[in-house]
Amino acid sequence: MATITVRTPGIVVAVVDDDESILQSLECLLESADYVVQLFRSAAELLDSGWLSAIDCLISDVDMPGTDGFELVRLVQAARPQLAMILITGYPDRLTRLPSPSGSNPRLFTKPFQGNELLAAVSDAVRTTQQVSDAPPGWDG
């Protein structure tokens, strides 16, 4: 059975992970679906980069030194409450520490995950965010 990939020119996905192999794998996967990919080795690197206002979706590992994925979600939600976010972790028990959302709810993935499922989640998240962005003033969904 063939998989149909939705082409997504110009949509920017940021990936934050301290594991170089995960960064490279996700870059290849996302670029295969024509996403523009920006890689960051830490939350601080993303936050200091100036890219936050330009991205359409954020994928972040939960367990990173320094600012972890939960804190990154909190910081990003304060700056861009409707930004589509996806958290990934190899330790599903840590997801119970996810802070209460003040903006969009991040989608959660545990490692290992299927690439096509992550691509579908990115596509859905970006589409939902764009629908909210395109809504008439005063519309709350």
N, C-alpha and C. Protein backbone atom coordinates (compact mmCIF):
# COMPACT_ATOMS: atom_id res chain seq x y z
N MET A 1 0.85 -1.18 0.00
CA MET A 1 0.00 0.00 0.00
C MET A 1 0.89 1.23 0.00
N ALA A 2 0.67 2.15 -0.92
CA ALA A 2 1.48 3.36 -1.03
C ALA A 2 1.01 4.41 -0.04
N THR A 3 1.96 5.15 0.48
CA THR A 3 1.64 6.24 1.39
C THR A 3 1.68 7.54 0.61
N ILE A 4 0.64 8.35 0.75
CA ILE A 4 0.60 9.64 0.09
C ILE A 4 1.06 10.68 1.09
N THR A 5 2.08 11.44 0.70
CA THR A 5 2.61 12.48 1.57
C THR A 5 2.08 13.82 1.11
N VAL A 6 1.50 14.57 2.03
CA VAL A 6 1.02 15.91 1.72
C VAL A 6 2.23 16.84 1.64
N ARG A 7 2.38 17.54 0.54
CA ARG A 7 3.50 18.47 0.36
C ARG A 7 3.19 19.78 1.07
N THR A 8 4.16 20.31 1.75
CA THR A 8 3.94 21.46 2.64
C THR A 8 4.99 22.54 2.45
N PRO A 9 5.07 23.14 1.26
CA PRO A 9 6.12 24.12 1.04
C PRO A 9 5.98 25.34 1.94
N GLY A 10 7.10 25.76 2.50
CA GLY A 10 7.14 26.98 3.29
C GLY A 10 6.75 26.85 4.74
N ILE A 11 6.30 25.70 5.17
CA ILE A 11 5.94 25.52 6.58
C ILE A 11 7.20 25.16 7.35
N VAL A 12 7.49 25.94 8.38
CA VAL A 12 8.72 25.79 9.14
C VAL A 12 8.47 25.00 10.42
N VAL A 13 9.22 23.91 10.56
CA VAL A 13 9.14 23.08 11.77
C VAL A 13 10.48 23.16 12.49
N ALA A 14 10.44 23.55 13.76
CA ALA A 14 11.65 23.58 14.59
C ALA A 14 11.70 22.30 15.41
N VAL A 15 12.89 21.70 15.48
CA VAL A 15 13.10 20.49 16.27
C VAL A 15 14.15 20.81 17.32
N VAL A 16 13.83 20.53 18.59
CA VAL A 16 14.75 20.77 19.70
C VAL A 16 15.03 19.44 20.38
N ASP A 17 16.29 19.04 20.36
CA ASP A 17 16.70 17.79 21.01
C ASP A 17 18.20 17.85 21.23
N ASP A 18 18.65 17.31 22.35
CA ASP A 18 20.09 17.29 22.62
C ASP A 18 20.77 16.08 22.01
N ASP A 19 20.02 15.19 21.39
CA ASP A 19 20.56 13.98 20.75
C ASP A 19 20.71 14.23 19.25
N GLU A 20 21.94 14.30 18.80
CA GLU A 20 22.23 14.61 17.39
C GLU A 20 21.58 13.61 16.44
N SER A 21 21.54 12.34 16.81
CA SER A 21 20.95 11.34 15.91
C SER A 21 19.44 11.54 15.75
N ILE A 22 18.77 11.96 16.81
CA ILE A 22 17.34 12.26 16.73
C ILE A 22 17.12 13.48 15.84
N LEU A 23 17.95 14.51 16.03
CA LEU A 23 17.85 15.70 15.18
C LEU A 23 17.97 15.35 13.71
N GLN A 24 18.99 14.55 13.38
CA GLN A 24 19.21 14.19 11.98
C GLN A 24 18.07 13.33 11.43
N SER A 25 17.58 12.40 12.22
CA SER A 25 16.47 11.54 11.77
C SER A 25 15.21 12.36 11.51
N LEU A 26 14.90 13.25 12.45
CA LEU A 26 13.70 14.06 12.28
C LEU A 26 13.85 15.05 11.13
N GLU A 27 15.05 15.56 10.94
CA GLU A 27 15.29 16.45 9.80
C GLU A 27 15.00 15.72 8.49
N CYS A 28 15.53 14.52 8.33
CA CYS A 28 15.29 13.74 7.10
C CYS A 28 13.80 13.43 6.92
N LEU A 29 13.15 13.01 7.99
CA LEU A 29 11.73 12.69 7.93
C LEU A 29 10.90 13.91 7.50
N LEU A 30 11.12 15.02 8.18
CA LEU A 30 10.33 16.23 7.91
C LEU A 30 10.63 16.81 6.52
N GLU A 31 11.89 16.79 6.13
CA GLU A 31 12.24 17.28 4.80
C GLU A 31 11.64 16.39 3.71
N SER A 32 11.45 15.10 3.99
CA SER A 32 10.83 14.20 3.01
C SER A 32 9.39 14.61 2.72
N ALA A 33 8.77 15.35 3.63
CA ALA A 33 7.41 15.86 3.45
C ALA A 33 7.43 17.34 3.07
N ASP A 34 8.60 17.83 2.68
CA ASP A 34 8.79 19.21 2.20
C ASP A 34 8.62 20.29 3.26
N TYR A 35 8.78 19.93 4.52
CA TYR A 35 8.80 20.97 5.55
C TYR A 35 10.17 21.64 5.53
N VAL A 36 10.20 22.92 5.89
CA VAL A 36 11.45 23.63 6.13
C VAL A 36 11.80 23.32 7.58
N VAL A 37 13.00 22.79 7.82
CA VAL A 37 13.35 22.31 9.16
C VAL A 37 14.49 23.15 9.74
N GLN A 38 14.30 23.56 10.99
CA GLN A 38 15.35 24.25 11.74
C GLN A 38 15.66 23.40 12.96
N LEU A 39 16.94 23.09 13.15
CA LEU A 39 17.36 22.22 14.25
C LEU A 39 18.00 23.04 15.37
N PHE A 40 17.69 22.66 16.61
CA PHE A 40 18.25 23.31 17.78
C PHE A 40 18.65 22.26 18.79
N ARG A 41 19.83 22.38 19.36
CA ARG A 41 20.36 21.40 20.28
C ARG A 41 19.96 21.64 21.73
N SER A 42 19.25 22.73 21.97
CA SER A 42 18.76 23.03 23.31
C SER A 42 17.61 24.03 23.21
N ALA A 43 16.84 24.11 24.28
CA ALA A 43 15.77 25.10 24.34
C ALA A 43 16.35 26.51 24.26
N ALA A 44 17.46 26.73 24.95
CA ALA A 44 18.08 28.05 24.94
C ALA A 44 18.51 28.45 23.53
N GLU A 45 19.03 27.48 22.78
CA GLU A 45 19.45 27.78 21.41
C GLU A 45 18.27 28.25 20.57
N LEU A 46 17.11 27.60 20.72
CA LEU A 46 15.91 28.05 20.01
C LEU A 46 15.50 29.44 20.48
N LEU A 47 15.38 29.61 21.78
CA LEU A 47 14.89 30.87 22.32
C LEU A 47 15.79 32.05 21.99
N ASP A 48 17.09 31.81 21.87
CA ASP A 48 18.05 32.87 21.55
C ASP A 48 18.22 33.09 20.06
N SER A 49 17.62 32.25 19.23
CA SER A 49 17.88 32.25 17.79
C SER A 49 17.13 33.31 17.00
N GLY A 50 16.02 33.79 17.52
CA GLY A 50 15.18 34.70 16.75
C GLY A 50 14.20 33.96 15.83
N TRP A 51 14.20 32.64 15.84
CA TRP A 51 13.34 31.84 14.97
C TRP A 51 11.94 31.64 15.53
N LEU A 52 11.71 31.87 16.79
CA LEU A 52 10.44 31.52 17.41
C LEU A 52 9.25 32.14 16.68
N SER A 53 9.37 33.36 16.23
CA SER A 53 8.25 34.01 15.55
C SER A 53 8.02 33.48 14.14
N ALA A 54 8.98 32.76 13.59
CA ALA A 54 8.88 32.30 12.20
C ALA A 54 8.45 30.84 12.07
N ILE A 55 8.39 30.11 13.16
CA ILE A 55 8.09 28.68 13.04
C ILE A 55 6.58 28.44 13.08
N ASP A 56 6.17 27.35 12.43
CA ASP A 56 4.77 26.96 12.37
C ASP A 56 4.46 25.80 13.30
N CYS A 57 5.49 25.05 13.67
CA CYS A 57 5.32 23.90 14.56
C CYS A 57 6.63 23.66 15.29
N LEU A 58 6.53 23.27 16.54
CA LEU A 58 7.69 22.98 17.37
C LEU A 58 7.62 21.52 17.83
N ILE A 59 8.69 20.78 17.58
CA ILE A 59 8.84 19.43 18.11
C ILE A 59 10.00 19.47 19.09
N SER A 60 9.76 19.03 20.31
CA SER A 60 10.81 19.07 21.32
C SER A 60 10.87 17.79 22.12
N ASP A 61 12.09 17.39 22.45
CA ASP A 61 12.29 16.32 23.40
C ASP A 61 11.89 16.84 24.78
N VAL A 62 11.48 15.95 25.66
CA VAL A 62 11.14 16.33 27.03
C VAL A 62 12.41 16.42 27.88
N ASP A 63 13.24 15.38 27.80
CA ASP A 63 14.39 15.27 28.70
C ASP A 63 15.65 15.84 28.07
N MET A 64 15.96 17.08 28.44
CA MET A 64 17.16 17.76 27.95
C MET A 64 17.82 18.47 29.12
N PRO A 65 19.14 18.59 29.08
CA PRO A 65 19.81 19.36 30.13
C PRO A 65 19.41 20.84 30.05
N GLY A 66 19.50 21.52 31.16
CA GLY A 66 19.12 22.93 31.18
C GLY A 66 17.60 23.03 31.15
N THR A 67 17.08 23.81 30.25
CA THR A 67 15.64 23.98 30.09
C THR A 67 15.07 22.72 29.45
N ASP A 68 14.21 22.00 30.18
CA ASP A 68 13.64 20.77 29.61
C ASP A 68 12.44 21.11 28.73
N GLY A 69 11.87 20.08 28.12
CA GLY A 69 10.76 20.29 27.20
C GLY A 69 9.53 20.89 27.85
N PHE A 70 9.26 20.55 29.12
CA PHE A 70 8.11 21.12 29.82
C PHE A 70 8.27 22.63 30.01
N GLU A 71 9.46 23.02 30.43
CA GLU A 71 9.72 24.46 30.62
C GLU A 71 9.69 25.18 29.27
N LEU A 72 10.20 24.53 28.23
CA LEU A 72 10.15 25.14 26.90
C LEU A 72 8.70 25.35 26.47
N VAL A 73 7.82 24.38 26.71
CA VAL A 73 6.41 24.55 26.39
C VAL A 73 5.85 25.77 27.11
N ARG A 74 6.16 25.90 28.39
CA ARG A 74 5.66 27.04 29.17
C ARG A 74 6.14 28.36 28.58
N LEU A 75 7.42 28.43 28.26
CA LEU A 75 8.00 29.67 27.71
C LEU A 75 7.43 30.00 26.34
N VAL A 76 7.29 28.98 25.51
CA VAL A 76 6.76 29.20 24.16
C VAL A 76 5.28 29.59 24.22
N GLN A 77 4.51 28.93 25.09
CA GLN A 77 3.10 29.29 25.21
C GLN A 77 2.92 30.73 25.67
N ALA A 78 3.83 31.24 26.49
CA ALA A 78 3.75 32.64 26.92
C ALA A 78 3.97 33.58 25.75
N ALA A 79 4.86 33.21 24.84
CA ALA A 79 5.19 34.07 23.71
C ALA A 79 4.26 33.84 22.51
N ARG A 80 3.89 32.58 22.27
CA ARG A 80 3.07 32.21 21.10
C ARG A 80 2.05 31.15 21.53
N PRO A 81 0.98 31.58 22.18
CA PRO A 81 0.03 30.63 22.77
C PRO A 81 -0.60 29.64 21.78
N GLN A 82 -0.72 29.98 20.52
CA GLN A 82 -1.38 29.09 19.56
C GLN A 82 -0.41 28.25 18.74
N LEU A 83 0.89 28.36 19.01
CA LEU A 83 1.87 27.60 18.23
C LEU A 83 1.66 26.10 18.41
N ALA A 84 1.65 25.38 17.31
CA ALA A 84 1.52 23.93 17.34
C ALA A 84 2.79 23.33 17.95
N MET A 85 2.62 22.44 18.95
CA MET A 85 3.77 21.84 19.62
C MET A 85 3.58 20.34 19.78
N ILE A 86 4.68 19.63 19.65
CA ILE A 86 4.70 18.18 19.83
C ILE A 86 5.87 17.86 20.75
N LEU A 87 5.61 17.09 21.80
CA LEU A 87 6.65 16.65 22.72
C LEU A 87 6.93 15.17 22.49
N ILE A 88 8.23 14.82 22.53
CA ILE A 88 8.62 13.41 22.40
C ILE A 88 9.48 13.02 23.60
N THR A 89 9.34 11.78 24.02
CA THR A 89 10.14 11.30 25.14
C THR A 89 10.31 9.79 25.07
N GLY A 90 11.40 9.33 25.60
CA GLY A 90 11.62 7.91 25.77
C GLY A 90 11.16 7.43 27.13
N TYR A 91 10.65 8.33 27.95
CA TYR A 91 10.25 8.02 29.33
C TYR A 91 8.80 8.48 29.54
N PRO A 92 7.83 7.67 29.13
CA PRO A 92 6.42 8.09 29.19
C PRO A 92 5.93 8.45 30.58
N ASP A 93 6.53 7.89 31.63
CA ASP A 93 6.10 8.22 33.00
C ASP A 93 6.35 9.70 33.32
N ARG A 94 7.26 10.34 32.62
CA ARG A 94 7.55 11.75 32.87
C ARG A 94 6.48 12.68 32.31
N LEU A 95 5.62 12.16 31.44
CA LEU A 95 4.58 13.00 30.85
C LEU A 95 3.55 13.45 31.88
N THR A 96 3.52 12.82 33.04
CA THR A 96 2.61 13.25 34.10
C THR A 96 3.00 14.62 34.64
N ARG A 97 4.24 15.05 34.35
CA ARG A 97 4.70 16.38 34.82
C ARG A 97 4.35 17.50 33.85
N LEU A 98 3.64 17.18 32.76
CA LEU A 98 3.30 18.20 31.77
C LEU A 98 2.46 19.28 32.43
N PRO A 99 2.89 20.54 32.32
CA PRO A 99 2.14 21.62 32.95
C PRO A 99 0.77 21.80 32.30
N SER A 100 -0.16 22.36 33.05
CA SER A 100 -1.48 22.66 32.50
C SER A 100 -1.31 23.67 31.38
N PRO A 101 -1.92 23.41 30.24
CA PRO A 101 -1.74 24.30 29.11
C PRO A 101 -2.44 25.63 29.30
N SER A 102 -1.77 26.70 28.87
CA SER A 102 -2.39 28.02 28.87
C SER A 102 -2.71 28.43 27.45
N GLY A 103 -2.25 27.67 26.49
CA GLY A 103 -2.51 27.93 25.07
C GLY A 103 -2.89 26.62 24.41
N SER A 104 -2.20 26.31 23.34
CA SER A 104 -2.47 25.06 22.64
C SER A 104 -1.94 23.88 23.44
N ASN A 105 -2.60 22.74 23.31
CA ASN A 105 -2.14 21.52 23.97
C ASN A 105 -1.09 20.84 23.11
N PRO A 106 0.08 20.55 23.67
CA PRO A 106 1.08 19.83 22.86
C PRO A 106 0.64 18.38 22.65
N ARG A 107 0.91 17.89 21.47
CA ARG A 107 0.69 16.47 21.16
C ARG A 107 1.87 15.70 21.76
N LEU A 108 1.63 14.50 22.26
CA LEU A 108 2.66 13.73 22.95
C LEU A 108 3.00 12.45 22.19
N PHE A 109 4.30 12.17 22.04
CA PHE A 109 4.77 10.95 21.41
C PHE A 109 5.81 10.30 22.31
N THR A 110 5.75 8.99 22.43
CA THR A 110 6.79 8.27 23.15
C THR A 110 7.63 7.50 22.14
N LYS A 111 8.94 7.47 22.42
CA LYS A 111 9.87 6.75 21.55
C LYS A 111 9.80 5.27 21.89
N PRO A 112 9.85 4.42 20.91
CA PRO A 112 9.92 4.72 19.48
C PRO A 112 8.52 5.05 18.95
N PHE A 113 8.45 5.83 17.89
CA PHE A 113 7.19 6.17 17.26
C PHE A 113 7.33 5.98 15.75
N GLN A 114 6.21 5.92 15.10
CA GLN A 114 6.18 5.74 13.65
C GLN A 114 6.32 7.10 12.97
N GLY A 115 7.20 7.19 11.99
CA GLY A 115 7.41 8.45 11.28
C GLY A 115 6.15 8.98 10.64
N ASN A 116 5.35 8.10 10.05
CA ASN A 116 4.12 8.57 9.39
C ASN A 116 3.13 9.14 10.40
N GLU A 117 3.14 8.62 11.63
CA GLU A 117 2.26 9.16 12.67
C GLU A 117 2.71 10.55 13.09
N LEU A 118 4.03 10.75 13.19
CA LEU A 118 4.54 12.07 13.53
C LEU A 118 4.23 13.06 12.42
N LEU A 119 4.42 12.67 11.16
CA LEU A 119 4.10 13.56 10.03
C LEU A 119 2.62 13.93 10.03
N ALA A 120 1.76 12.97 10.32
CA ALA A 120 0.32 13.25 10.39
C ALA A 120 0.02 14.23 11.52
N ALA A 121 0.68 14.06 12.66
CA ALA A 121 0.47 14.96 13.80
C ALA A 121 0.94 16.38 13.47
N VAL A 122 2.08 16.50 12.79
CA VAL A 122 2.57 17.82 12.39
C VAL A 122 1.58 18.47 11.45
N SER A 123 1.13 17.73 10.45
CA SER A 123 0.18 18.25 9.49
C SER A 123 -1.11 18.71 10.17
N ASP A 124 -1.65 17.88 11.06
CA ASP A 124 -2.87 18.23 11.79
C ASP A 124 -2.66 19.45 12.67
N ALA A 125 -1.54 19.50 13.37
CA ALA A 125 -1.26 20.61 14.27
C ALA A 125 -1.14 21.93 13.51
N VAL A 126 -0.43 21.89 12.40
CA VAL A 126 -0.25 23.11 11.60
C VAL A 126 -1.58 23.55 11.01
N ARG A 127 -2.36 22.59 10.51
CA ARG A 127 -3.67 22.92 9.92
C ARG A 127 -4.57 23.55 10.98
N THR A 128 -4.61 22.99 12.18
CA THR A 128 -5.43 23.53 13.25
C THR A 128 -4.98 24.94 13.62
N THR A 129 -3.67 25.13 13.73
CA THR A 129 -3.14 26.46 14.06
C THR A 129 -3.49 27.47 12.99
N GLN A 130 -3.37 27.08 11.72
CA GLN A 130 -3.70 27.99 10.63
C GLN A 130 -5.18 28.34 10.62
N GLN A 131 -6.04 27.38 10.96
CA GLN A 131 -7.47 27.67 11.02
C GLN A 131 -7.77 28.68 12.11
N VAL A 132 -7.12 28.56 13.25
CA VAL A 132 -7.32 29.52 14.34
C VAL A 132 -6.78 30.89 13.91
N SER A 133 -5.63 30.92 13.24
CA SER A 133 -5.03 32.18 12.79
C SER A 133 -5.90 32.88 11.74
N ASP A 134 -6.58 32.09 10.92
CA ASP A 134 -7.39 32.64 9.83
C ASP A 134 -8.82 32.96 10.25
N ALA A 135 -9.17 32.64 11.50
CA ALA A 135 -10.53 32.86 11.97
C ALA A 135 -10.82 34.34 12.07
N PRO A 136 -12.11 34.71 11.90
CA PRO A 136 -12.49 36.12 12.03
C PRO A 136 -12.24 36.62 13.45
N PRO A 137 -12.01 37.92 13.62
CA PRO A 137 -11.78 38.48 14.95
C PRO A 137 -12.96 38.14 15.87
N GLY A 138 -12.65 37.75 17.10
CA GLY A 138 -13.66 37.43 18.09
C GLY A 138 -14.12 35.99 18.07
N TRP A 139 -13.69 35.23 17.03
CA TRP A 139 -14.06 33.81 16.95
C TRP A 139 -13.13 33.02 17.84
N ASP A 140 -13.69 32.14 18.66
CA ASP A 140 -12.83 31.40 19.59
C ASP A 140 -12.88 29.89 19.36
N GLY A 141 -13.33 29.44 18.20
CA GLY A 141 -13.27 28.04 17.83
C GLY A 141 -14.39 27.25 18.31
